[in-house]
Amino acid sequence: MAYTNKPQGLDSLLKDFMKRLPQRKELKKGMVMHFWSEVVGEQVAKATKEISFEGDKLVIRVINDAWRHELHMNRFSIKKRLNSRVGSEVVKEVVVRC
């Protein structure tokens, strides 16, 4: 970013800051976990016991096999919506376990 006397909007300054942040990927992973309930909805969030990352894989633990099957069938859509919400391809794969 070149420094000028010209004022810049806060959004462009934040975007520039995020590009330079060394821990950007970890921050994005935290954002994925934060937005989980919002992206998947209240019912799925209630059926979720745990969310974590194993490398680039988002691992979801659910309460029973029925929910495991449901989320497994929708894992590509969930991955796409989460990545879209955080503005980055941070989730490479969704793994669903009981």
PDB file of N, CA and C in Angstrom:
ATOM      1  N   MET A   1       0.838  -1.170   0.000  1.00  0.00           N
ATOM      2  CA  MET A   1       0.000   0.000   0.000  1.00  0.00           C
ATOM      3  C   MET A   1       0.885   1.235   0.000  1.00  0.00           C
ATOM      4  N   ALA A   2       0.671   2.092  -0.943  1.00  0.00           N
ATOM      5  CA  ALA A   2       1.419   3.341  -1.010  1.00  0.00           C
ATOM      6  C   ALA A   2       0.757   4.354  -0.079  1.00  0.00           C
ATOM      7  N   TYR A   3       1.573   5.094   0.617  1.00  0.00           N
ATOM      8  CA  TYR A   3       1.042   6.092   1.533  1.00  0.00           C
ATOM      9  C   TYR A   3       0.789   7.389   0.777  1.00  0.00           C
ATOM     10  N   THR A   4      -0.397   7.908   0.945  1.00  0.00           N
ATOM     11  CA  THR A   4      -0.774   9.166   0.307  1.00  0.00           C
ATOM     12  C   THR A   4      -1.482  10.030   1.337  1.00  0.00           C
ATOM     13  N   ASN A   5      -1.681  11.252   0.975  1.00  0.00           N
ATOM     14  CA  ASN A   5      -2.443  12.160   1.826  1.00  0.00           C
ATOM     15  C   ASN A   5      -3.937  11.982   1.627  1.00  0.00           C
ATOM     16  N   LYS A   6      -4.289  11.177   0.682  1.00  0.00           N
ATOM     17  CA  LYS A   6      -5.693  10.965   0.337  1.00  0.00           C
ATOM     18  C   LYS A   6      -6.349  10.033   1.363  1.00  0.00           C
ATOM     19  N   PRO A   7      -7.478  10.415   1.951  1.00  0.00           N
ATOM     20  CA  PRO A   7      -8.152   9.550   2.932  1.00  0.00           C
ATOM     21  C   PRO A   7      -8.644   8.263   2.280  1.00  0.00           C
ATOM     22  N   GLN A   8      -8.610   7.184   3.054  1.00  0.00           N
ATOM     23  CA  GLN A   8      -9.095   5.897   2.566  1.00  0.00           C
ATOM     24  C   GLN A   8     -10.207   5.415   3.472  1.00  0.00           C
ATOM     25  N   GLY A   9     -11.087   4.607   2.907  1.00  0.00           N
ATOM     26  CA  GLY A   9     -12.173   4.040   3.688  1.00  0.00           C
ATOM     27  C   GLY A   9     -11.654   2.968   4.634  1.00  0.00           C
ATOM     28  N   LEU A  10     -12.362   2.799   5.724  1.00  0.00           N
ATOM     29  CA  LEU A  10     -11.973   1.799   6.717  1.00  0.00           C
ATOM     30  C   LEU A  10     -11.961   0.400   6.121  1.00  0.00           C
ATOM     31  N   ASP A  11     -12.916   0.091   5.236  1.00  0.00           N
ATOM     32  CA  ASP A  11     -12.959  -1.246   4.637  1.00  0.00           C
ATOM     33  C   ASP A  11     -11.701  -1.553   3.837  1.00  0.00           C
ATOM     34  N   SER A  12     -11.194  -0.585   3.073  1.00  0.00           N
ATOM     35  CA  SER A  12      -9.974  -0.841   2.296  1.00  0.00           C
ATOM     36  C   SER A  12      -8.757  -0.953   3.206  1.00  0.00           C
ATOM     37  N   LEU A  13      -8.734  -0.185   4.286  1.00  0.00           N
ATOM     38  CA  LEU A  13      -7.627  -0.292   5.243  1.00  0.00           C
ATOM     39  C   LEU A  13      -7.630  -1.652   5.938  1.00  0.00           C
ATOM     40  N   LEU A  14      -8.815  -2.142   6.316  1.00  0.00           N
ATOM     41  CA  LEU A  14      -8.911  -3.456   6.957  1.00  0.00           C
ATOM     42  C   LEU A  14      -8.516  -4.574   6.000  1.00  0.00           C
ATOM     43  N   LYS A  15      -8.923  -4.480   4.752  1.00  0.00           N
ATOM     44  CA  LYS A  15      -8.543  -5.496   3.759  1.00  0.00           C
ATOM     45  C   LYS A  15      -7.030  -5.536   3.588  1.00  0.00           C
ATOM     46  N   ASP A  16      -6.411  -4.372   3.529  1.00  0.00           N
ATOM     47  CA  ASP A  16      -4.957  -4.302   3.402  1.00  0.00           C
ATOM     48  C   ASP A  16      -4.280  -4.900   4.624  1.00  0.00           C
ATOM     49  N   PHE A  17      -4.802  -4.588   5.804  1.00  0.00           N
ATOM     50  CA  PHE A  17      -4.267  -5.145   7.046  1.00  0.00           C
ATOM     51  C   PHE A  17      -4.374  -6.667   7.040  1.00  0.00           C
ATOM     52  N   MET A  18      -5.523  -7.212   6.634  1.00  0.00           N
ATOM     53  CA  MET A  18      -5.735  -8.666   6.612  1.00  0.00           C
ATOM     54  C   MET A  18      -4.767  -9.353   5.642  1.00  0.00           C
ATOM     55  N   LYS A  19      -4.465  -8.703   4.526  1.00  0.00           N
ATOM     56  CA  LYS A  19      -3.517  -9.280   3.565  1.00  0.00           C
ATOM     57  C   LYS A  19      -2.121  -9.409   4.160  1.00  0.00           C
ATOM     58  N   ARG A  20      -1.778  -8.503   5.057  1.00  0.00           N
ATOM     59  CA  ARG A  20      -0.436  -8.477   5.640  1.00  0.00           C
ATOM     60  C   ARG A  20      -0.327  -9.285   6.936  1.00  0.00           C
ATOM     61  N   LEU A  21      -1.437  -9.709   7.491  1.00  0.00           N
ATOM     62  CA  LEU A  21      -1.451 -10.407   8.774  1.00  0.00           C
ATOM     63  C   LEU A  21      -0.890 -11.824   8.625  1.00  0.00           C
ATOM     64  N   PRO A  22       0.181 -12.167   9.321  1.00  0.00           N
ATOM     65  CA  PRO A  22       0.800 -13.492   9.182  1.00  0.00           C
ATOM     66  C   PRO A  22      -0.124 -14.637   9.639  1.00  0.00           C
ATOM     67  N   GLN A  23      -0.975 -14.400  10.602  1.00  0.00           N
ATOM     68  CA  GLN A  23      -1.854 -15.445  11.128  1.00  0.00           C
ATOM     69  C   GLN A  23      -3.223 -15.442  10.437  1.00  0.00           C
ATOM     70  N   ARG A  24      -3.285 -14.921   9.240  1.00  0.00           N
ATOM     71  CA  ARG A  24      -4.561 -14.770   8.527  1.00  0.00           C
ATOM     72  C   ARG A  24      -5.315 -16.090   8.414  1.00  0.00           C
ATOM     73  N   LYS A  25      -4.623 -17.168   8.108  1.00  0.00           N
ATOM     74  CA  LYS A  25      -5.295 -18.455   7.926  1.00  0.00           C
ATOM     75  C   LYS A  25      -5.923 -18.933   9.239  1.00  0.00           C
ATOM     76  N   GLU A  26      -5.221 -18.790  10.333  1.00  0.00           N
ATOM     77  CA  GLU A  26      -5.766 -19.195  11.636  1.00  0.00           C
ATOM     78  C   GLU A  26      -6.958 -18.324  12.019  1.00  0.00           C
ATOM     79  N   LEU A  27      -6.875 -17.054  11.708  1.00  0.00           N
ATOM     80  CA  LEU A  27      -7.984 -16.144  11.974  1.00  0.00           C
ATOM     81  C   LEU A  27      -9.217 -16.569  11.174  1.00  0.00           C
ATOM     82  N   LYS A  28      -9.025 -16.920   9.917  1.00  0.00           N
ATOM     83  CA  LYS A  28     -10.134 -17.364   9.064  1.00  0.00           C
ATOM     84  C   LYS A  28     -10.745 -18.662   9.592  1.00  0.00           C
ATOM     85  N   LYS A  29      -9.907 -19.558  10.113  1.00  0.00           N
ATOM     86  CA  LYS A  29     -10.435 -20.799  10.701  1.00  0.00           C
ATOM     87  C   LYS A  29     -11.317 -20.483  11.906  1.00  0.00           C
ATOM     88  N   GLY A  30     -10.886 -19.532  12.714  1.00  0.00           N
ATOM     89  CA  GLY A  30     -11.701 -19.103  13.847  1.00  0.00           C
ATOM     90  C   GLY A  30     -13.016 -18.498  13.396  1.00  0.00           C
ATOM     91  N   MET A  31     -12.977 -17.762  12.301  1.00  0.00           N
ATOM     92  CA  MET A  31     -14.203 -17.169  11.758  1.00  0.00           C
ATOM     93  C   MET A  31     -15.158 -18.252  11.273  1.00  0.00           C
ATOM     94  N   VAL A  32     -14.622 -19.310  10.661  1.00  0.00           N
ATOM     95  CA  VAL A  32     -15.463 -20.431  10.212  1.00  0.00           C
ATOM     96  C   VAL A  32     -16.220 -21.016  11.397  1.00  0.00           C
ATOM     97  N   MET A  33     -15.522 -21.262  12.472  1.00  0.00           N
ATOM     98  CA  MET A  33     -16.159 -21.857  13.653  1.00  0.00           C
ATOM     99  C   MET A  33     -17.168 -20.883  14.267  1.00  0.00           C
ATOM    100  N   HIS A  34     -16.866 -19.613  14.233  1.00  0.00           N
ATOM    101  CA  HIS A  34     -17.782 -18.601  14.765  1.00  0.00           C
ATOM    102  C   HIS A  34     -19.082 -18.546  13.955  1.00  0.00           C
ATOM    103  N   PHE A  35     -18.969 -18.638  12.640  1.00  0.00           N
ATOM    104  CA  PHE A  35     -20.138 -18.515  11.767  1.00  0.00           C
ATOM    105  C   PHE A  35     -20.877 -19.832  11.531  1.00  0.00           C
ATOM    106  N   TRP A  36     -20.418 -20.926  12.136  1.00  0.00           N
ATOM    107  CA  TRP A  36     -21.025 -22.240  11.931  1.00  0.00           C
ATOM    108  C   TRP A  36     -22.545 -22.200  12.092  1.00  0.00           C
ATOM    109  N   SER A  37     -23.033 -21.750  13.231  1.00  0.00           N
ATOM    110  CA  SER A  37     -24.479 -21.734  13.510  1.00  0.00           C
ATOM    111  C   SER A  37     -25.239 -20.890  12.503  1.00  0.00           C
ATOM    112  N   GLU A  38     -24.683 -19.762  12.168  1.00  0.00           N
ATOM    113  CA  GLU A  38     -25.331 -18.862  11.211  1.00  0.00           C
ATOM    114  C   GLU A  38     -25.442 -19.508   9.828  1.00  0.00           C
ATOM    115  N   VAL A  39     -24.397 -20.203   9.410  1.00  0.00           N
ATOM    116  CA  VAL A  39     -24.364 -20.788   8.070  1.00  0.00           C
ATOM    117  C   VAL A  39     -25.235 -22.036   7.970  1.00  0.00           C
ATOM    118  N   VAL A  40     -25.192 -22.911   8.974  1.00  0.00           N
ATOM    119  CA  VAL A  40     -25.925 -24.184   8.868  1.00  0.00           C
ATOM    120  C   VAL A  40     -27.326 -24.130   9.458  1.00  0.00           C
ATOM    121  N   GLY A  41     -27.611 -23.144  10.272  1.00  0.00           N
ATOM    122  CA  GLY A  41     -28.938 -23.025  10.865  1.00  0.00           C
ATOM    123  C   GLY A  41     -28.998 -23.602  12.266  1.00  0.00           C
ATOM    124  N   GLU A  42     -30.042 -23.220  12.971  1.00  0.00           N
ATOM    125  CA  GLU A  42     -30.193 -23.561  14.382  1.00  0.00           C
ATOM    126  C   GLU A  42     -30.309 -25.069  14.627  1.00  0.00           C
ATOM    127  N   GLN A  43     -31.075 -25.764  13.790  1.00  0.00           N
ATOM    128  CA  GLN A  43     -31.279 -27.197  13.995  1.00  0.00           C
ATOM    129  C   GLN A  43     -29.985 -27.992  13.882  1.00  0.00           C
ATOM    130  N   VAL A  44     -29.220 -27.719  12.851  1.00  0.00           N
ATOM    131  CA  VAL A  44     -27.939 -28.414  12.665  1.00  0.00           C
ATOM    132  C   VAL A  44     -26.973 -28.017  13.777  1.00  0.00           C
ATOM    133  N   ALA A  45     -26.965 -26.754  14.142  1.00  0.00           N
ATOM    134  CA  ALA A  45     -26.068 -26.294  15.214  1.00  0.00           C
ATOM    135  C   ALA A  45     -26.362 -27.025  16.520  1.00  0.00           C
ATOM    136  N   LYS A  46     -27.636 -27.266  16.808  1.00  0.00           N
ATOM    137  CA  LYS A  46     -28.005 -27.987  18.027  1.00  0.00           C
ATOM    138  C   LYS A  46     -27.563 -29.450  17.974  1.00  0.00           C
ATOM    139  N   ALA A  47     -27.491 -30.017  16.773  1.00  0.00           N
ATOM    140  CA  ALA A  47     -27.082 -31.416  16.609  1.00  0.00           C
ATOM    141  C   ALA A  47     -25.560 -31.556  16.576  1.00  0.00           C
ATOM    142  N   THR A  48     -24.844 -30.440  16.582  1.00  0.00           N
ATOM    143  CA  THR A  48     -23.383 -30.436  16.529  1.00  0.00           C
ATOM    144  C   THR A  48     -22.805 -30.463  17.941  1.00  0.00           C
ATOM    145  N   LYS A  49     -21.925 -31.443  18.193  1.00  0.00           N
ATOM    146  CA  LYS A  49     -21.266 -31.536  19.498  1.00  0.00           C
ATOM    147  C   LYS A  49     -19.944 -30.783  19.522  1.00  0.00           C
ATOM    148  N   GLU A  50     -19.222 -30.825  18.404  1.00  0.00           N
ATOM    149  CA  GLU A  50     -17.876 -30.239  18.371  1.00  0.00           C
ATOM    150  C   GLU A  50     -17.498 -29.868  16.944  1.00  0.00           C
ATOM    151  N   ILE A  51     -16.747 -28.784  16.817  1.00  0.00           N
ATOM    152  CA  ILE A  51     -16.207 -28.342  15.532  1.00  0.00           C
ATOM    153  C   ILE A  51     -14.719 -28.088  15.748  1.00  0.00           C
ATOM    154  N   SER A  52     -13.890 -28.634  14.853  1.00  0.00           N
ATOM    155  CA  SER A  52     -12.457 -28.393  14.966  1.00  0.00           C
ATOM    156  C   SER A  52     -11.816 -28.528  13.586  1.00  0.00           C
ATOM    157  N   PHE A  53     -10.583 -28.110  13.506  1.00  0.00           N
ATOM    158  CA  PHE A  53      -9.817 -28.262  12.270  1.00  0.00           C
ATOM    159  C   PHE A  53      -8.715 -29.290  12.480  1.00  0.00           C
ATOM    160  N   GLU A  54      -8.524 -30.129  11.485  1.00  0.00           N
ATOM    161  CA  GLU A  54      -7.358 -31.014  11.389  1.00  0.00           C
ATOM    162  C   GLU A  54      -6.674 -30.610  10.088  1.00  0.00           C
ATOM    163  N   GLY A  55      -5.719 -29.722  10.192  1.00  0.00           N
ATOM    164  CA  GLY A  55      -5.113 -29.151   8.986  1.00  0.00           C
ATOM    165  C   GLY A  55      -6.143 -28.281   8.289  1.00  0.00           C
ATOM    166  N   ASP A  56      -6.427 -28.592   7.022  1.00  0.00           N
ATOM    167  CA  ASP A  56      -7.424 -27.843   6.255  1.00  0.00           C
ATOM    168  C   ASP A  56      -8.793 -28.514   6.266  1.00  0.00           C
ATOM    169  N   LYS A  57      -8.918 -29.613   7.008  1.00  0.00           N
ATOM    170  CA  LYS A  57     -10.197 -30.326   7.114  1.00  0.00           C
ATOM    171  C   LYS A  57     -10.988 -29.801   8.296  1.00  0.00           C
ATOM    172  N   LEU A  58     -12.256 -29.472   8.047  1.00  0.00           N
ATOM    173  CA  LEU A  58     -13.150 -29.086   9.125  1.00  0.00           C
ATOM    174  C   LEU A  58     -13.835 -30.360   9.610  1.00  0.00           C
ATOM    175  N   VAL A  59     -13.632 -30.698  10.878  1.00  0.00           N
ATOM    176  CA  VAL A  59     -14.177 -31.925  11.449  1.00  0.00           C
ATOM    177  C   VAL A  59     -15.374 -31.548  12.322  1.00  0.00           C
ATOM    178  N   ILE A  60     -16.499 -32.157  11.995  1.00  0.00           N
ATOM    179  CA  ILE A  60     -17.742 -31.901  12.709  1.00  0.00           C
ATOM    180  C   ILE A  60     -18.154 -33.175  13.430  1.00  0.00           C
ATOM    181  N   ARG A  61     -18.410 -33.069  14.715  1.00  0.00           N
ATOM    182  CA  ARG A  61     -18.933 -34.198  15.491  1.00  0.00           C
ATOM    183  C   ARG A  61     -20.391 -33.897  15.804  1.00  0.00           C
ATOM    184  N   VAL A  62     -21.256 -34.871  15.464  1.00  0.00           N
ATOM    185  CA  VAL A  62     -22.695 -34.693  15.653  1.00  0.00           C
ATOM    186  C   VAL A  62     -23.241 -35.720  16.637  1.00  0.00           C
ATOM    187  N   ILE A  63     -24.493 -35.543  17.045  1.00  0.00           N
ATOM    188  CA  ILE A  63     -25.067 -36.331  18.132  1.00  0.00           C
ATOM    189  C   ILE A  63     -25.455 -37.753  17.759  1.00  0.00           C
ATOM    190  N   ASN A  64     -25.705 -38.032  16.455  1.00  0.00           N
ATOM    191  CA  ASN A  64     -26.088 -39.395  16.086  1.00  0.00           C
ATOM    192  C   ASN A  64     -25.822 -39.665  14.600  1.00  0.00           C
ATOM    193  N   ASP A  65     -26.031 -40.914  14.206  1.00  0.00           N
ATOM    194  CA  ASP A  65     -25.764 -41.330  12.822  1.00  0.00           C
ATOM    195  C   ASP A  65     -26.673 -40.648  11.807  1.00  0.00           C
ATOM    196  N   ALA A  66     -27.906 -40.375  12.183  1.00  0.00           N
ATOM    197  CA  ALA A  66     -28.826 -39.711  11.259  1.00  0.00           C
ATOM    198  C   ALA A  66     -28.291 -38.326  10.870  1.00  0.00           C
ATOM    199  N   TRP A  67     -27.827 -37.570  11.857  1.00  0.00           N
ATOM    200  CA  TRP A  67     -27.239 -36.258  11.572  1.00  0.00           C
ATOM    201  C   TRP A  67     -25.916 -36.395  10.828  1.00  0.00           C
ATOM    202  N   ARG A  68     -25.136 -37.413  11.156  1.00  0.00           N
ATOM    203  CA  ARG A  68     -23.878 -37.635  10.433  1.00  0.00           C
ATOM    204  C   ARG A  68     -24.158 -37.837   8.951  1.00  0.00           C
ATOM    205  N   HIS A  69     -25.155 -38.667   8.649  1.00  0.00           N
ATOM    206  CA  HIS A  69     -25.522 -38.932   7.260  1.00  0.00           C
ATOM    207  C   HIS A  69     -26.015 -37.646   6.571  1.00  0.00           C
ATOM    208  N   GLU A  70     -26.863 -36.901   7.250  1.00  0.00           N
ATOM    209  CA  GLU A  70     -27.415 -35.662   6.688  1.00  0.00           C
ATOM    210  C   GLU A  70     -26.314 -34.663   6.350  1.00  0.00           C
ATOM    211  N   LEU A  71     -25.415 -34.429   7.282  1.00  0.00           N
ATOM    212  CA  LEU A  71     -24.337 -33.471   7.034  1.00  0.00           C
ATOM    213  C   LEU A  71     -23.328 -33.992   6.013  1.00  0.00           C
ATOM    214  N   HIS A  72     -23.091 -35.300   6.042  1.00  0.00           N
ATOM    215  CA  HIS A  72     -22.182 -35.886   5.058  1.00  0.00           C
ATOM    216  C   HIS A  72     -22.709 -35.661   3.640  1.00  0.00           C
ATOM    217  N   MET A  73     -24.014 -35.824   3.461  1.00  0.00           N
ATOM    218  CA  MET A  73     -24.624 -35.633   2.137  1.00  0.00           C
ATOM    219  C   MET A  73     -24.555 -34.171   1.689  1.00  0.00           C
ATOM    220  N   ASN A  74     -24.488 -33.256   2.640  1.00  0.00           N
ATOM    221  CA  ASN A  74     -24.481 -31.822   2.332  1.00  0.00           C
ATOM    222  C   ASN A  74     -23.120 -31.164   2.562  1.00  0.00           C
ATOM    223  N   ARG A  75     -22.069 -31.956   2.712  1.00  0.00           N
ATOM    224  CA  ARG A  75     -20.760 -31.415   3.093  1.00  0.00           C
ATOM    225  C   ARG A  75     -20.180 -30.449   2.062  1.00  0.00           C
ATOM    226  N   PHE A  76     -20.422 -30.682   0.775  1.00  0.00           N
ATOM    227  CA  PHE A  76     -19.862 -29.785  -0.248  1.00  0.00           C
ATOM    228  C   PHE A  76     -20.554 -28.422  -0.215  1.00  0.00           C
ATOM    229  N   SER A  77     -21.857 -28.446  -0.014  1.00  0.00           N
ATOM    230  CA  SER A  77     -22.618 -27.204   0.105  1.00  0.00           C
ATOM    231  C   SER A  77     -22.202 -26.439   1.365  1.00  0.00           C
ATOM    232  N   ILE A  78     -22.038 -27.150   2.467  1.00  0.00           N
ATOM    233  CA  ILE A  78     -21.618 -26.530   3.724  1.00  0.00           C
ATOM    234  C   ILE A  78     -20.237 -25.890   3.553  1.00  0.00           C
ATOM    235  N   LYS A  79     -19.316 -26.611   2.937  1.00  0.00           N
ATOM    236  CA  LYS A  79     -17.963 -26.084   2.696  1.00  0.00           C
ATOM    237  C   LYS A  79     -18.025 -24.805   1.865  1.00  0.00           C
ATOM    238  N   LYS A  80     -18.805 -24.833   0.819  1.00  0.00           N
ATOM    239  CA  LYS A  80     -18.919 -23.678  -0.070  1.00  0.00           C
ATOM    240  C   LYS A  80     -19.497 -22.470   0.667  1.00  0.00           C
ATOM    241  N   ARG A  81     -20.547 -22.674   1.464  1.00  0.00           N
ATOM    242  CA  ARG A  81     -21.174 -21.573   2.192  1.00  0.00           C
ATOM    243  C   ARG A  81     -20.246 -20.998   3.271  1.00  0.00           C
ATOM    244  N   LEU A  82     -19.524 -21.865   3.980  1.00  0.00           N
ATOM    245  CA  LEU A  82     -18.595 -21.388   4.998  1.00  0.00           C
ATOM    246  C   LEU A  82     -17.464 -20.578   4.376  1.00  0.00           C
ATOM    247  N   ASN A  83     -16.865 -21.109   3.314  1.00  0.00           N
ATOM    248  CA  ASN A  83     -15.776 -20.396   2.643  1.00  0.00           C
ATOM    249  C   ASN A  83     -16.260 -19.056   2.090  1.00  0.00           C
ATOM    250  N   SER A  84     -17.459 -19.040   1.556  1.00  0.00           N
ATOM    251  CA  SER A  84     -18.032 -17.802   1.039  1.00  0.00           C
ATOM    252  C   SER A  84     -18.233 -16.792   2.160  1.00  0.00           C
ATOM    253  N   ARG A  85     -18.690 -17.264   3.293  1.00  0.00           N
ATOM    254  CA  ARG A  85     -18.973 -16.376   4.435  1.00  0.00           C
ATOM    255  C   ARG A  85     -17.706 -15.712   4.966  1.00  0.00           C
ATOM    256  N   VAL A  86     -16.584 -16.431   4.972  1.00  0.00           N
ATOM    257  CA  VAL A  86     -15.333 -15.852   5.484  1.00  0.00           C
ATOM    258  C   VAL A  86     -14.462 -15.269   4.373  1.00  0.00           C
ATOM    259  N   GLY A  87     -14.890 -15.418   3.127  1.00  0.00           N
ATOM    260  CA  GLY A  87     -14.170 -14.816   2.010  1.00  0.00           C
ATOM    261  C   GLY A  87     -12.835 -15.451   1.702  1.00  0.00           C
ATOM    262  N   SER A  88     -12.727 -16.759   1.956  1.00  0.00           N
ATOM    263  CA  SER A  88     -11.457 -17.447   1.725  1.00  0.00           C
ATOM    264  C   SER A  88     -11.709 -18.945   1.605  1.00  0.00           C
ATOM    265  N   GLU A  89     -10.849 -19.633   0.882  1.00  0.00           N
ATOM    266  CA  GLU A  89     -10.962 -21.087   0.704  1.00  0.00           C
ATOM    267  C   GLU A  89     -10.225 -21.793   1.838  1.00  0.00           C
ATOM    268  N   VAL A  90     -10.611 -21.505   3.073  1.00  0.00           N
ATOM    269  CA  VAL A  90      -9.921 -22.046   4.245  1.00  0.00           C
ATOM    270  C   VAL A  90     -10.335 -23.490   4.531  1.00  0.00           C
ATOM    271  N   VAL A  91     -11.572 -23.859   4.216  1.00  0.00           N
ATOM    272  CA  VAL A  91     -12.052 -25.235   4.411  1.00  0.00           C
ATOM    273  C   VAL A  91     -11.872 -25.980   3.104  1.00  0.00           C
ATOM    274  N   LYS A  92     -10.985 -26.972   3.116  1.00  0.00           N
ATOM    275  CA  LYS A  92     -10.744 -27.769   1.903  1.00  0.00           C
ATOM    276  C   LYS A  92     -11.652 -29.002   1.875  1.00  0.00           C
ATOM    277  N   GLU A  93     -12.043 -29.481   3.057  1.00  0.00           N
ATOM    278  CA  GLU A  93     -12.856 -30.685   3.144  1.00  0.00           C
ATOM    279  C   GLU A  93     -13.646 -30.642   4.457  1.00  0.00           C
ATOM    280  N   VAL A  94     -14.862 -31.198   4.433  1.00  0.00           N
ATOM    281  CA  VAL A  94     -15.671 -31.328   5.641  1.00  0.00           C
ATOM    282  C   VAL A  94     -15.781 -32.804   5.970  1.00  0.00           C
ATOM    283  N   VAL A  95     -15.416 -33.164   7.198  1.00  0.00           N
ATOM    284  CA  VAL A  95     -15.501 -34.536   7.672  1.00  0.00           C
ATOM    285  C   VAL A  95     -16.520 -34.561   8.804  1.00  0.00           C
ATOM    286  N   VAL A  96     -17.468 -35.504   8.714  1.00  0.00           N
ATOM    287  CA  VAL A  96     -18.530 -35.572   9.724  1.00  0.00           C
ATOM    288  C   VAL A  96     -18.389 -36.887  10.481  1.00  0.00           C
ATOM    289  N   ARG A  97     -18.361 -36.791  11.800  1.00  0.00           N
ATOM    290  CA  ARG A  97     -18.214 -37.972  12.671  1.00  0.00           C
ATOM    291  C   ARG A  97     -19.243 -37.928  13.787  1.00  0.00           C
ATOM    292  N   CYS A  98     -19.479 -39.103  14.375  1.00  0.00           N
ATOM    293  CA  CYS A  98     -20.340 -39.193  15.570  1.00  0.00           C
ATOM    294  C   CYS A  98     -19.504 -39.176  16.813  1.00  0.00           C
TER     295      CYS A  98
END
